[in-house]
N, C-alpha and C. Protein backbone atom coordinates (compact mmCIF):
# COMPACT_ATOMS: atom_id res chain seq x y z
N UNK A 1 0.84 -1.18 0.00
CA UNK A 1 0.00 0.00 0.00
C UNK A 1 0.89 1.25 0.00
N UNK A 2 0.59 2.19 -0.87
CA UNK A 2 1.37 3.41 -0.98
C UNK A 2 0.84 4.44 0.01
N UNK A 3 1.74 4.99 0.81
CA UNK A 3 1.35 6.01 1.80
C UNK A 3 1.00 7.30 1.07
N UNK A 4 0.08 8.05 1.64
CA UNK A 4 -0.29 9.33 1.06
C UNK A 4 0.80 10.35 1.34
N UNK A 5 0.83 11.41 0.54
CA UNK A 5 1.85 12.44 0.71
C UNK A 5 1.80 13.05 2.12
N UNK A 6 0.63 13.39 2.65
CA UNK A 6 0.61 13.93 4.02
C UNK A 6 1.22 12.98 5.05
N UNK A 7 1.00 11.69 4.89
CA UNK A 7 1.59 10.71 5.82
C UNK A 7 3.10 10.66 5.67
N UNK A 8 3.58 10.71 4.43
CA UNK A 8 5.03 10.71 4.19
C UNK A 8 5.67 11.96 4.79
N UNK A 9 5.02 13.09 4.64
CA UNK A 9 5.53 14.35 5.20
C UNK A 9 5.59 14.26 6.72
N UNK A 10 4.53 13.79 7.32
CA UNK A 10 4.47 13.67 8.77
C UNK A 10 5.54 12.71 9.30
N UNK A 11 5.70 11.58 8.65
CA UNK A 11 6.70 10.60 9.08
C UNK A 11 8.11 11.17 8.93
N UNK A 12 8.36 11.87 7.84
CA UNK A 12 9.68 12.47 7.62
C UNK A 12 9.96 13.52 8.68
N UNK A 13 8.98 14.34 8.98
CA UNK A 13 9.13 15.38 10.00
C UNK A 13 9.45 14.78 11.37
N UNK A 14 8.80 13.68 11.71
CA UNK A 14 9.08 13.02 13.00
C UNK A 14 10.49 12.46 13.06
N UNK A 15 11.03 12.04 11.91
CA UNK A 15 12.39 11.49 11.88
C UNK A 15 13.47 12.56 12.00
N UNK A 16 13.14 13.78 11.60
CA UNK A 16 14.13 14.85 11.59
C UNK A 16 13.63 16.10 12.33
N UNK A 17 13.32 15.97 13.62
CA UNK A 17 12.79 17.12 14.36
C UNK A 17 13.78 18.27 14.49
N UNK A 18 15.08 17.99 14.34
CA UNK A 18 16.09 19.05 14.46
C UNK A 18 15.90 20.14 13.41
N UNK A 19 15.24 19.82 12.31
CA UNK A 19 15.07 20.80 11.24
C UNK A 19 14.14 21.95 11.63
N UNK A 20 13.41 21.78 12.72
CA UNK A 20 12.55 22.86 13.21
C UNK A 20 13.38 23.98 13.84
N UNK A 21 14.62 23.67 14.22
CA UNK A 21 15.52 24.63 14.83
C UNK A 21 16.35 25.30 13.73
N UNK A 22 16.26 26.63 13.57
CA UNK A 22 16.99 27.32 12.50
C UNK A 22 18.49 27.04 12.50
N UNK A 23 19.10 26.99 13.66
CA UNK A 23 20.54 26.74 13.75
C UNK A 23 20.90 25.33 13.28
N UNK A 24 20.08 24.37 13.64
CA UNK A 24 20.37 22.98 13.28
C UNK A 24 19.99 22.67 11.84
N UNK A 25 19.10 23.46 11.25
CA UNK A 25 18.72 23.28 9.85
C UNK A 25 19.80 23.83 8.92
N UNK A 26 20.62 24.72 9.44
CA UNK A 26 21.64 25.39 8.62
C UNK A 26 22.59 24.38 7.98
N UNK A 27 22.76 24.50 6.67
CA UNK A 27 23.71 23.67 5.94
C UNK A 27 23.25 22.27 5.61
N UNK A 28 21.98 21.95 5.86
CA UNK A 28 21.49 20.59 5.64
C UNK A 28 20.58 20.45 4.42
N UNK A 29 20.45 21.51 3.62
CA UNK A 29 19.44 21.50 2.56
C UNK A 29 19.64 20.39 1.52
N UNK A 30 20.86 20.17 1.06
CA UNK A 30 21.09 19.16 0.03
C UNK A 30 20.81 17.75 0.55
N UNK A 31 21.35 17.46 1.72
CA UNK A 31 21.15 16.13 2.31
C UNK A 31 19.67 15.86 2.56
N UNK A 32 19.00 16.77 3.23
CA UNK A 32 17.60 16.55 3.60
C UNK A 32 16.70 16.51 2.38
N UNK A 33 16.92 17.41 1.42
CA UNK A 33 16.10 17.40 0.20
C UNK A 33 16.28 16.08 -0.54
N UNK A 34 17.50 15.59 -0.59
CA UNK A 34 17.77 14.31 -1.24
C UNK A 34 17.11 13.14 -0.54
N UNK A 35 17.17 13.14 0.78
CA UNK A 35 16.53 12.06 1.55
C UNK A 35 15.01 12.08 1.36
N UNK A 36 14.41 13.27 1.39
CA UNK A 36 12.97 13.38 1.20
C UNK A 36 12.59 12.93 -0.21
N UNK A 37 13.33 13.39 -1.21
CA UNK A 37 13.02 13.01 -2.59
C UNK A 37 13.14 11.50 -2.80
N UNK A 38 14.07 10.87 -2.11
CA UNK A 38 14.25 9.42 -2.24
C UNK A 38 13.09 8.64 -1.65
N UNK A 39 12.37 9.24 -0.72
CA UNK A 39 11.27 8.54 -0.05
C UNK A 39 9.91 8.82 -0.66
N UNK A 40 9.81 9.83 -1.49
CA UNK A 40 8.52 10.22 -2.04
C UNK A 40 8.49 9.92 -3.54
N UNK A 41 7.63 9.03 -3.96
CA UNK A 41 7.56 8.69 -5.38
C UNK A 41 7.33 9.93 -6.24
N UNK A 42 8.13 10.06 -7.29
CA UNK A 42 7.99 11.17 -8.22
C UNK A 42 8.67 12.46 -7.80
N UNK A 43 9.27 12.48 -6.64
CA UNK A 43 9.93 13.71 -6.16
C UNK A 43 11.32 13.83 -6.77
N UNK A 44 11.80 15.07 -6.85
CA UNK A 44 13.15 15.33 -7.34
C UNK A 44 13.72 16.52 -6.58
N UNK A 45 15.03 16.61 -6.55
CA UNK A 45 15.70 17.73 -5.90
C UNK A 45 15.91 18.82 -6.95
N UNK A 46 15.64 20.05 -6.55
CA UNK A 46 15.92 21.21 -7.40
C UNK A 46 16.93 22.06 -6.66
N UNK A 47 17.99 22.41 -7.36
CA UNK A 47 19.06 23.22 -6.79
C UNK A 47 18.84 24.68 -7.19
N UNK A 48 19.06 25.57 -6.24
CA UNK A 48 18.75 26.98 -6.42
C UNK A 48 20.00 27.81 -6.20
N UNK A 49 20.12 28.88 -6.94
CA UNK A 49 21.26 29.78 -6.78
C UNK A 49 20.77 31.22 -6.78
N UNK A 50 21.19 31.97 -5.80
CA UNK A 50 20.94 33.40 -5.76
C UNK A 50 19.55 33.79 -5.30
N UNK A 51 19.45 34.22 -4.05
CA UNK A 51 18.13 34.62 -3.55
C UNK A 51 17.74 35.98 -4.11
N UNK A 52 16.51 36.06 -4.56
CA UNK A 52 15.91 37.33 -4.97
C UNK A 52 15.21 37.97 -3.77
N UNK A 53 14.82 37.13 -2.82
CA UNK A 53 14.14 37.60 -1.61
C UNK A 53 15.16 38.03 -0.57
N UNK A 54 14.74 38.90 0.28
CA UNK A 54 15.56 39.30 1.43
C UNK A 54 15.24 38.39 2.61
N UNK A 55 16.28 37.92 3.28
CA UNK A 55 16.15 37.11 4.48
C UNK A 55 16.94 37.80 5.60
N UNK A 56 16.41 38.87 6.17
CA UNK A 56 17.18 39.65 7.15
C UNK A 56 17.46 38.94 8.47
N UNK A 57 16.69 37.91 8.81
CA UNK A 57 16.85 37.22 10.10
C UNK A 57 17.54 35.87 9.98
N UNK A 58 18.19 35.62 8.87
CA UNK A 58 18.82 34.31 8.64
C UNK A 58 19.88 34.03 9.71
N UNK A 59 20.17 32.75 9.92
CA UNK A 59 21.07 32.35 11.01
C UNK A 59 22.54 32.35 10.62
N UNK A 60 22.84 32.56 9.34
CA UNK A 60 24.24 32.57 8.92
C UNK A 60 24.71 34.01 8.73
N UNK A 61 25.92 34.17 8.23
CA UNK A 61 26.51 35.49 8.04
C UNK A 61 26.41 36.01 6.62
N UNK A 62 25.62 35.34 5.79
CA UNK A 62 25.46 35.81 4.42
C UNK A 62 24.63 37.09 4.40
N UNK A 63 24.72 37.88 3.33
CA UNK A 63 23.86 39.07 3.23
C UNK A 63 22.39 38.68 3.19
N UNK A 64 21.51 39.59 3.55
CA UNK A 64 20.07 39.32 3.58
C UNK A 64 19.55 38.89 2.21
N UNK A 65 20.13 39.43 1.15
CA UNK A 65 19.81 39.04 -0.23
C UNK A 65 21.14 38.74 -0.90
N UNK A 66 21.33 37.50 -1.32
CA UNK A 66 22.64 37.07 -1.79
C UNK A 66 22.55 36.42 -3.17
N UNK A 67 23.12 37.04 -4.20
CA UNK A 67 23.04 36.47 -5.55
C UNK A 67 23.88 35.20 -5.73
N UNK A 68 24.68 34.83 -4.72
CA UNK A 68 25.52 33.64 -4.83
C UNK A 68 25.15 32.56 -3.83
N UNK A 69 24.04 32.73 -3.11
CA UNK A 69 23.65 31.74 -2.11
C UNK A 69 23.10 30.49 -2.80
N UNK A 70 23.57 29.32 -2.37
CA UNK A 70 23.17 28.03 -2.93
C UNK A 70 22.22 27.34 -1.96
N UNK A 71 21.15 26.76 -2.48
CA UNK A 71 20.14 26.12 -1.65
C UNK A 71 19.52 24.97 -2.45
N UNK A 72 18.81 24.08 -1.77
CA UNK A 72 18.15 22.96 -2.44
C UNK A 72 16.80 22.69 -1.78
N UNK A 73 15.86 22.26 -2.61
CA UNK A 73 14.52 21.88 -2.14
C UNK A 73 14.10 20.61 -2.87
N UNK A 74 13.08 19.96 -2.37
CA UNK A 74 12.50 18.80 -3.04
C UNK A 74 11.18 19.23 -3.67
N UNK A 75 10.96 18.80 -4.91
CA UNK A 75 9.73 19.14 -5.61
C UNK A 75 8.95 17.87 -5.88
N UNK A 76 7.69 17.90 -5.52
CA UNK A 76 6.79 16.76 -5.76
C UNK A 76 5.39 17.30 -6.04
N UNK A 77 4.79 16.77 -7.08
CA UNK A 77 3.42 17.15 -7.46
C UNK A 77 3.24 18.66 -7.56
N UNK A 78 4.23 19.34 -8.12
CA UNK A 78 4.12 20.77 -8.34
C UNK A 78 4.34 21.64 -7.11
N UNK A 79 4.73 21.02 -6.02
CA UNK A 79 4.98 21.76 -4.78
C UNK A 79 6.45 21.61 -4.39
N UNK A 80 7.04 22.72 -3.96
CA UNK A 80 8.43 22.71 -3.49
C UNK A 80 8.44 22.62 -1.97
N UNK A 81 9.13 21.61 -1.45
CA UNK A 81 9.24 21.39 -0.01
C UNK A 81 10.63 21.82 0.43
N UNK A 82 10.67 22.84 1.27
CA UNK A 82 11.94 23.35 1.79
C UNK A 82 12.00 23.00 3.28
N UNK A 83 12.71 21.92 3.58
CA UNK A 83 12.79 21.42 4.95
C UNK A 83 13.76 22.23 5.81
N UNK A 84 14.58 23.05 5.20
CA UNK A 84 15.56 23.83 5.96
C UNK A 84 15.33 25.33 5.81
N UNK A 85 14.16 25.74 5.43
CA UNK A 85 13.86 27.16 5.22
C UNK A 85 14.09 28.00 6.48
N UNK A 86 13.93 27.39 7.64
CA UNK A 86 14.10 28.15 8.88
C UNK A 86 15.53 28.67 9.06
N UNK A 87 16.50 28.12 8.35
CA UNK A 87 17.84 28.69 8.42
C UNK A 87 17.86 30.08 7.77
N UNK A 88 16.96 30.31 6.84
CA UNK A 88 16.85 31.61 6.16
C UNK A 88 15.83 32.51 6.82
N UNK A 89 14.73 31.93 7.24
CA UNK A 89 13.63 32.67 7.86
C UNK A 89 13.18 31.87 9.09
N UNK A 90 13.70 32.19 10.28
CA UNK A 90 13.41 31.40 11.48
C UNK A 90 11.92 31.25 11.80
N UNK A 91 11.08 32.12 11.28
CA UNK A 91 9.64 32.03 11.57
C UNK A 91 8.85 31.36 10.43
N UNK A 92 9.54 30.80 9.47
CA UNK A 92 8.87 30.15 8.33
C UNK A 92 8.10 28.93 8.79
N UNK A 93 7.09 28.60 8.03
CA UNK A 93 6.35 27.35 8.27
C UNK A 93 7.32 26.19 8.10
N UNK A 94 7.00 25.06 8.73
CA UNK A 94 7.86 23.89 8.62
C UNK A 94 7.04 22.65 8.29
N UNK A 95 7.33 21.97 7.20
CA UNK A 95 8.23 22.43 6.16
C UNK A 95 7.61 23.62 5.42
N UNK A 96 8.47 24.43 4.82
CA UNK A 96 7.99 25.54 4.01
C UNK A 96 7.60 24.95 2.66
N UNK A 97 6.34 25.14 2.26
CA UNK A 97 5.85 24.58 1.01
C UNK A 97 5.32 25.72 0.15
N UNK A 98 5.72 25.71 -1.11
CA UNK A 98 5.23 26.72 -2.05
C UNK A 98 5.09 26.07 -3.42
N UNK A 99 4.26 26.64 -4.28
CA UNK A 99 4.19 26.10 -5.64
C UNK A 99 5.56 26.16 -6.30
N UNK A 100 5.94 25.10 -6.97
CA UNK A 100 7.25 25.06 -7.62
C UNK A 100 7.40 26.18 -8.64
N UNK A 101 6.31 26.61 -9.23
CA UNK A 101 6.36 27.70 -10.21
C UNK A 101 6.85 29.01 -9.58
N UNK A 102 6.71 29.15 -8.26
CA UNK A 102 7.16 30.37 -7.58
C UNK A 102 8.67 30.37 -7.29
N UNK A 103 9.34 29.26 -7.50
CA UNK A 103 10.77 29.21 -7.23
C UNK A 103 11.52 30.23 -8.08
N UNK A 104 11.11 30.40 -9.32
CA UNK A 104 11.78 31.37 -10.21
C UNK A 104 11.59 32.80 -9.73
N UNK A 105 10.53 33.04 -9.00
CA UNK A 105 10.30 34.37 -8.44
C UNK A 105 11.28 34.66 -7.30
N UNK A 106 11.64 33.63 -6.54
CA UNK A 106 12.47 33.79 -5.35
C UNK A 106 13.95 33.53 -5.58
N UNK A 107 14.31 32.85 -6.68
CA UNK A 107 15.70 32.44 -6.91
C UNK A 107 16.11 32.80 -8.33
N UNK A 108 17.37 33.18 -8.50
CA UNK A 108 17.87 33.63 -9.80
C UNK A 108 18.00 32.47 -10.78
N UNK A 109 18.58 31.35 -10.33
CA UNK A 109 18.77 30.20 -11.21
C UNK A 109 18.29 28.93 -10.54
N UNK A 110 17.70 28.03 -11.34
CA UNK A 110 17.26 26.73 -10.89
C UNK A 110 17.94 25.67 -11.75
N UNK A 111 18.25 24.52 -11.13
CA UNK A 111 18.89 23.46 -11.91
C UNK A 111 18.64 22.09 -11.33
N UNK A 112 18.94 21.08 -12.13
CA UNK A 112 18.78 19.69 -11.69
C UNK A 112 20.01 19.17 -10.97
N UNK A 113 21.09 19.94 -11.01
CA UNK A 113 22.31 19.56 -10.30
C UNK A 113 23.11 20.81 -10.03
N UNK A 114 24.02 20.77 -9.07
CA UNK A 114 24.88 21.94 -8.84
C UNK A 114 25.71 22.30 -10.08
N UNK A 115 26.07 21.29 -10.89
CA UNK A 115 26.85 21.54 -12.09
C UNK A 115 26.06 22.37 -13.10
N UNK A 116 24.77 22.14 -13.19
CA UNK A 116 23.92 22.93 -14.10
C UNK A 116 23.97 24.39 -13.71
N UNK A 117 24.12 24.67 -12.43
CA UNK A 117 24.18 26.05 -11.94
C UNK A 117 25.58 26.63 -12.09
N UNK A 118 26.52 25.81 -12.51
CA UNK A 118 27.89 26.27 -12.67
C UNK A 118 28.70 26.27 -11.40
N UNK A 119 28.30 25.43 -10.44
CA UNK A 119 29.03 25.37 -9.17
C UNK A 119 30.10 24.31 -9.19
């Protein structure tokens, strides 16, 4: 029996409660997005470069808006799941979910691998 997406999300969240903490979510985007995509049928990782949005309360030392910031999310059924968004916006929903079509609004470049982004 195939689990529903809400059940998969809930189970994944229970396995990785540290991601609710902005400090502990920092630097885990590629690993966590990959793990989530591996568990959800039809999901894929999308790599992002350069924030168009300002993140003034982020937990790292990067500028609030950084054209060179690298990030990753998992996309499934037209929705982008950002399990580590709290590293950028500590008050963000967890997981942060948005339509995948909005990724281009928030990020300068999108790719299927870091190499596609020129990293």
